[in-house]
Protein backbone atom coordinates (compact mmCIF):
# COMPACT_ATOMS: atom_id res chain seq x y z
CA MET A 1 -39.27 -5.52 -14.97
CA ARG A 2 -38.98 -1.74 -14.66
CA TYR A 3 -37.54 -0.54 -11.38
CA HIS A 4 -38.51 2.76 -9.77
CA ILE A 5 -37.59 4.87 -6.77
CA ASP A 6 -39.38 2.59 -4.28
CA THR A 7 -38.17 -0.76 -5.64
CA ILE A 8 -34.45 -0.01 -5.23
CA PRO A 9 -34.53 0.32 -1.39
CA VAL A 10 -36.53 -2.93 -1.12
CA LEU A 11 -34.07 -4.77 -3.35
CA ASP A 12 -31.13 -3.33 -1.40
CA ALA A 13 -32.72 -4.43 1.90
CA LEU A 14 -33.10 -7.96 0.56
CA LYS A 15 -29.40 -8.05 -0.36
CA LEU A 16 -28.47 -7.36 3.27
CA GLU A 17 -29.70 -10.87 4.14
CA GLY A 18 -30.78 -9.77 7.61
CA GLU A 19 -33.45 -11.23 9.86
CA CYS A 20 -36.14 -8.91 8.42
CA LEU A 21 -35.81 -6.74 5.33
CA LEU A 22 -38.79 -4.64 6.44
CA CYS A 23 -37.00 -3.84 9.71
CA ALA A 24 -34.03 -2.66 7.64
CA LEU A 25 -36.29 -0.41 5.56
CA GLU A 26 -38.07 0.97 8.61
CA ARG A 27 -34.85 1.74 10.46
CA LYS A 28 -33.22 3.35 7.41
CA THR A 29 -36.27 5.57 7.02
CA GLU A 30 -36.25 6.45 10.71
CA LEU A 31 -32.57 7.43 10.72
CA GLY A 32 -33.03 9.48 7.56
CA GLU A 33 -35.96 11.35 9.07
CA ALA A 34 -34.05 12.09 12.29
CA GLU A 35 -31.13 13.50 10.34
CA ARG A 36 -33.48 15.53 8.18
CA TYR A 37 -35.26 17.17 11.11
CA LEU A 38 -31.98 18.04 12.80
CA GLY A 39 -30.43 19.34 9.60
CA ALA A 40 -31.15 22.34 7.39
CA SER A 41 -34.80 21.38 7.03
CA VAL A 42 -35.41 22.48 10.64
CA MET A 43 -35.49 26.05 9.30
CA GLU A 44 -37.86 25.32 6.39
CA PRO A 45 -41.26 26.97 7.08
CA ASP A 46 -43.39 24.01 5.99
CA ILE A 47 -41.37 21.60 8.15
CA ARG A 48 -41.57 23.92 11.16
CA VAL A 49 -45.34 24.15 10.76
CA GLN A 50 -45.64 20.35 10.86
CA VAL A 51 -43.24 20.00 13.80
CA ASN A 52 -45.02 22.75 15.73
CA SER A 53 -48.36 21.04 15.22
CA LYS A 54 -47.44 17.40 15.86
CA GLY A 55 -44.09 17.26 17.64
CA PHE A 56 -42.44 13.90 18.32
CA CYS A 57 -43.17 10.92 20.55
CA ARG A 58 -41.03 10.03 23.57
CA ARG A 59 -38.98 7.46 21.65
CA HIS A 60 -38.16 9.82 18.81
CA HIS A 61 -37.30 12.68 21.16
CA ALA A 62 -34.83 10.33 22.84
CA MET A 63 -33.43 9.44 19.43
CA LEU A 64 -33.08 13.10 18.41
CA TYR A 65 -31.46 13.93 21.74
CA GLY A 66 -28.95 11.16 21.27
CA MET A 67 -27.78 12.52 17.91
CA SER A 68 -25.72 15.28 19.59
CA ASN A 69 -27.33 18.27 17.91
CA ARG A 70 -28.87 20.03 20.88
CA LEU A 71 -29.22 23.35 19.05
CA GLY A 72 -31.24 21.80 16.23
CA HIS A 73 -33.36 19.97 18.79
CA ALA A 74 -33.84 23.18 20.79
CA LEU A 75 -34.94 25.15 17.73
CA MET A 76 -37.73 22.67 17.09
CA LEU A 77 -38.69 22.49 20.75
CA GLU A 78 -38.95 26.26 21.13
CA SER A 79 -41.55 26.82 18.43
CA HIS A 80 -43.36 23.56 19.27
CA MET A 81 -43.61 24.64 22.90
CA ILE A 82 -45.07 28.02 21.90
CA GLU A 83 -47.83 26.38 19.86
CA THR A 84 -48.42 23.70 22.48
CA ARG A 85 -48.86 26.33 25.20
CA GLU A 86 -51.49 28.10 23.08
CA ARG A 87 -53.39 24.86 22.56
CA THR A 88 -53.12 23.71 26.17
CA GLU A 89 -54.29 27.09 27.46
CA LYS A 90 -57.67 26.46 25.80
CA ILE A 91 -57.80 23.06 27.50
CA TYR A 92 -56.81 24.53 30.87
CA LYS A 93 -59.57 27.15 30.65
CA LYS A 94 -62.14 24.44 29.99
CA LEU A 95 -60.82 22.43 32.93
CA ASP A 96 -60.87 25.49 35.20
CA GLY A 97 -64.51 26.10 34.32
CA ALA A 98 -65.38 22.48 35.01
CA ALA A 99 -63.45 22.57 38.28
CA GLU A 100 -65.39 25.58 39.60
CA THR A 101 -68.70 23.95 38.75
CA LEU A 102 -67.72 20.63 40.29
CA LYS A 103 -66.57 22.25 43.55
CA ASN A 104 -69.98 23.91 43.95
CA ILE A 105 -72.09 20.86 43.14
CA GLY A 106 -71.27 18.56 46.03
CA LEU A 107 -72.07 14.86 46.30
CA ALA A 108 -75.85 15.27 46.20
CA GLY A 109 -75.68 17.36 43.06
CA ARG A 110 -73.34 14.87 41.41
CA LEU A 111 -75.68 12.00 42.22
CA GLY A 112 -78.54 14.10 40.88
CA GLY A 113 -76.89 14.48 37.52
CA LYS A 114 -75.79 18.12 37.84
CA ALA A 115 -72.17 17.13 37.12
CA LYS A 116 -72.97 15.84 33.63
CA GLY A 117 -71.82 19.04 31.92
CA PRO A 118 -68.50 19.48 33.74
CA ASP A 119 -67.80 15.74 33.57
CA ALA A 120 -68.15 15.95 29.80
CA ALA A 121 -65.80 18.95 29.74
CA VAL A 122 -63.22 16.99 31.72
CA GLN A 123 -63.52 14.02 29.35
CA GLU A 124 -63.12 16.30 26.33
CA SER A 125 -60.02 17.80 27.93
CA ILE A 126 -58.57 14.38 28.62
CA GLU A 127 -59.03 13.39 24.98
CA ALA A 128 -57.53 16.67 23.76
CA LEU A 129 -54.46 16.20 25.97
CA GLN A 130 -54.05 12.61 24.84
CA GLU A 131 -54.21 13.66 21.20
CA LEU A 132 -51.74 16.47 21.79
CA ALA A 133 -49.28 14.27 23.68
CA GLY A 134 -49.71 11.28 21.39
CA SER A 135 -48.91 12.77 17.99
CA CYS A 136 -45.52 12.24 16.32
CA LEU A 137 -44.48 13.60 12.97
CA MET A 138 -41.71 11.03 12.58
CA CYS A 139 -44.02 8.12 13.34
CA GLU A 140 -46.48 9.37 10.72
CA THR A 141 -43.79 9.82 8.08
CA ILE A 142 -42.30 6.39 8.77
CA GLU A 143 -45.76 4.83 8.53
CA GLU A 144 -46.39 6.50 5.16
CA ASN A 145 -43.08 5.16 3.86
CA MET A 146 -43.73 1.66 5.19
CA GLN A 147 -47.10 1.54 3.47
CA ARG A 148 -45.33 2.26 0.18
CA TYR A 149 -42.64 -0.31 0.87
CA LEU A 150 -45.22 -2.99 1.66
CA HIS A 151 -46.96 -2.24 -1.63
CA THR A 152 -43.60 -2.35 -3.44
CA PHE A 153 -42.69 -5.65 -1.77
CA LEU A 154 -45.89 -7.23 -3.06
CA HIS A 155 -45.32 -5.75 -6.52
CA LEU A 156 -41.81 -7.23 -6.65
CA TYR A 157 -42.98 -10.56 -5.25
CA GLN A 158 -45.57 -10.85 -8.01
CA ASN A 159 -43.45 -9.58 -10.91
CA ASP A 160 -39.78 -10.24 -10.15
CA THR A 161 -38.85 -13.93 -10.18
CA ASP A 162 -35.38 -13.31 -8.74
CA PHE A 163 -36.81 -11.30 -5.83
CA ARG A 164 -39.37 -13.99 -5.10
CA THR A 165 -36.73 -16.74 -5.19
CA ARG A 166 -34.27 -14.87 -2.98
CA PHE A 167 -36.91 -13.91 -0.44
CA SER A 168 -38.23 -17.48 -0.29
CA ALA A 169 -34.72 -18.76 0.46
CA GLY A 170 -33.91 -15.95 2.91
CA LYS A 171 -34.36 -15.39 6.63
CA GLY A 172 -38.00 -14.33 6.53
CA LEU A 173 -39.41 -11.47 8.59
CA CYS A 174 -39.90 -10.49 12.21
CA LEU A 175 -43.33 -11.39 13.57
CA PRO A 176 -44.74 -7.82 13.59
CA HIS A 177 -43.75 -7.26 9.96
CA MET A 178 -45.07 -10.68 8.96
CA ALA A 179 -48.45 -9.58 10.29
CA ARG A 180 -48.20 -6.25 8.44
CA LEU A 181 -47.25 -7.93 5.17
CA LEU A 182 -50.15 -10.38 5.44
CA GLU A 183 -52.51 -7.49 6.15
CA ALA A 184 -51.30 -5.63 3.06
CA ALA A 185 -51.36 -8.79 0.91
CA ARG A 186 -54.91 -9.60 1.96
CA ALA A 187 -56.00 -6.18 0.73
CA GLU A 188 -54.01 -6.17 -2.53
CA LEU A 189 -53.66 -9.74 -3.81
CA GLY A 190 -56.15 -12.12 -5.35
CA PRO A 191 -56.96 -15.44 -3.61
CA LYS A 192 -54.45 -17.50 -5.62
CA GLU A 193 -51.60 -15.01 -5.18
CA LEU A 194 -52.40 -14.58 -1.47
CA GLY A 195 -52.42 -18.34 -0.92
CA GLY A 196 -49.06 -18.69 -2.65
CA LEU A 197 -47.48 -15.94 -0.57
CA ILE A 198 -48.84 -17.40 2.68
CA SER A 199 -47.34 -20.82 1.87
CA VAL A 200 -43.93 -19.33 1.09
CA LEU A 201 -44.03 -17.08 4.14
CA THR A 202 -45.04 -19.73 6.69
CA LYS A 203 -42.38 -22.12 5.35
CA ALA A 204 -39.67 -19.47 5.63
CA GLN A 205 -40.84 -18.42 9.09
CA ARG A 206 -40.86 -21.96 10.44
CA GLU A 207 -37.39 -22.68 9.14
CA ASN A 208 -35.93 -19.48 10.49
CA MET A 209 -37.65 -19.65 13.86
CA ASP A 210 -36.18 -23.17 14.19
CA ARG A 211 -32.75 -21.77 13.32
CA ILE A 212 -32.96 -19.01 15.90
CA GLN A 213 -34.27 -21.43 18.53
CA GLU A 214 -31.17 -23.57 18.00
CA GLU A 215 -28.90 -20.53 18.18
CA ILE A 216 -30.36 -19.15 21.41
CA SER A 217 -30.19 -22.63 22.97
CA TRP A 218 -26.53 -22.97 21.94
CA PHE A 219 -25.81 -19.50 23.34
CA ILE A 220 -27.09 -20.70 26.73
CA LYS A 221 -25.09 -23.95 26.54
CA LYS A 222 -21.89 -21.99 25.97
CA PHE A 223 -22.14 -20.81 29.59
CA ASP A 224 -21.86 -24.43 30.71
CA TYR A 225 -18.22 -25.42 31.32
CA ARG A 226 -18.80 -28.66 29.37
CA TYR A 227 -19.19 -26.64 26.15
CA GLU A 228 -16.54 -24.06 26.98
CA LYS A 229 -14.17 -25.12 24.20
CA GLU A 230 -16.85 -25.58 21.57
CA SER A 231 -17.29 -23.00 18.80
CA TRP A 232 -19.85 -20.24 19.31
CA GLY A 233 -20.97 -20.71 15.73
CA ASN A 234 -23.55 -18.04 14.86
CA SER A 235 -24.86 -17.76 18.41
CA LYS A 236 -22.83 -14.85 19.84
CA ASP A 237 -25.58 -12.36 18.98
CA ALA A 238 -28.43 -14.84 19.37
CA VAL A 239 -30.06 -12.83 22.18
CA GLU A 240 -30.30 -9.71 20.04
CA ARG A 241 -31.52 -11.54 16.95
CA THR A 242 -34.09 -13.51 18.93
CA VAL A 243 -35.53 -10.31 20.40
CA ASN A 244 -35.58 -8.67 16.98
CA LYS A 245 -37.23 -11.67 15.34
CA LEU A 246 -39.98 -11.76 17.93
CA ARG A 247 -40.65 -8.01 18.26
CA GLY A 248 -38.98 -6.24 15.36
CA TRP A 249 -35.55 -4.62 15.40
CA CYS A 250 -34.78 -2.79 18.64
CA VAL A 251 -31.43 -4.06 19.92
CA GLY A 252 -28.03 -5.02 18.59
CA LYS A 253 -26.44 -4.36 15.22
CA GLU A 254 -28.23 -1.88 12.98
CA PRO A 255 -30.36 -3.78 10.42
CA ALA A 256 -29.55 -1.33 7.60
CA GLU A 257 -26.14 -0.24 6.42
């Protein structure tokens, strides 16, 4: 089959033989985006416009902070703060107006429905603040990339026999990415193809969840003096891999090279 720019990363992730190739793709994308925002692109006008408008979530700010480029981080924060202050000032003015009205209404007026207008203004302000504080440019970019990778995965699964065989014999996926893959497959595949993928996926997941269960149990036994001289086998990092299998990669060895 013909390979293109999206198939190569998926094939490379499969070759890593990790607990979840989609975790590897997601993490590689995330690291690439962090480096990009802290690099020369921080000075590109179109990037600055997006950063100023959306900013980053708490997790990605922590990630950027940990990459030891405080100047690059500060440059983004400065212009984002300027735009955020302009947007919050409009919210604050609406809240101030509602506050003055509410203070003059009293309990009787509130019970009589006179607080309907200012209550609505407060609710609108809450929603505006939540939207402002909840946006993240990195999360959006990662999501766009993952949508493409899910589509590419299904394309390879349908058209590349070697990919299908290697995935079927591999370590499966984490539970969150299993759900995402099934969601994408349900939308893109026909009934026969979807049924085939489900059978392969559930078989792989059962086998690999059994494997990890054995490894985490052996990890615990190794703390019993009776098993002190026994080999650790593959269980030394069983805690990390169990967490990552259940919730997606978040601890331990990086899933992507």
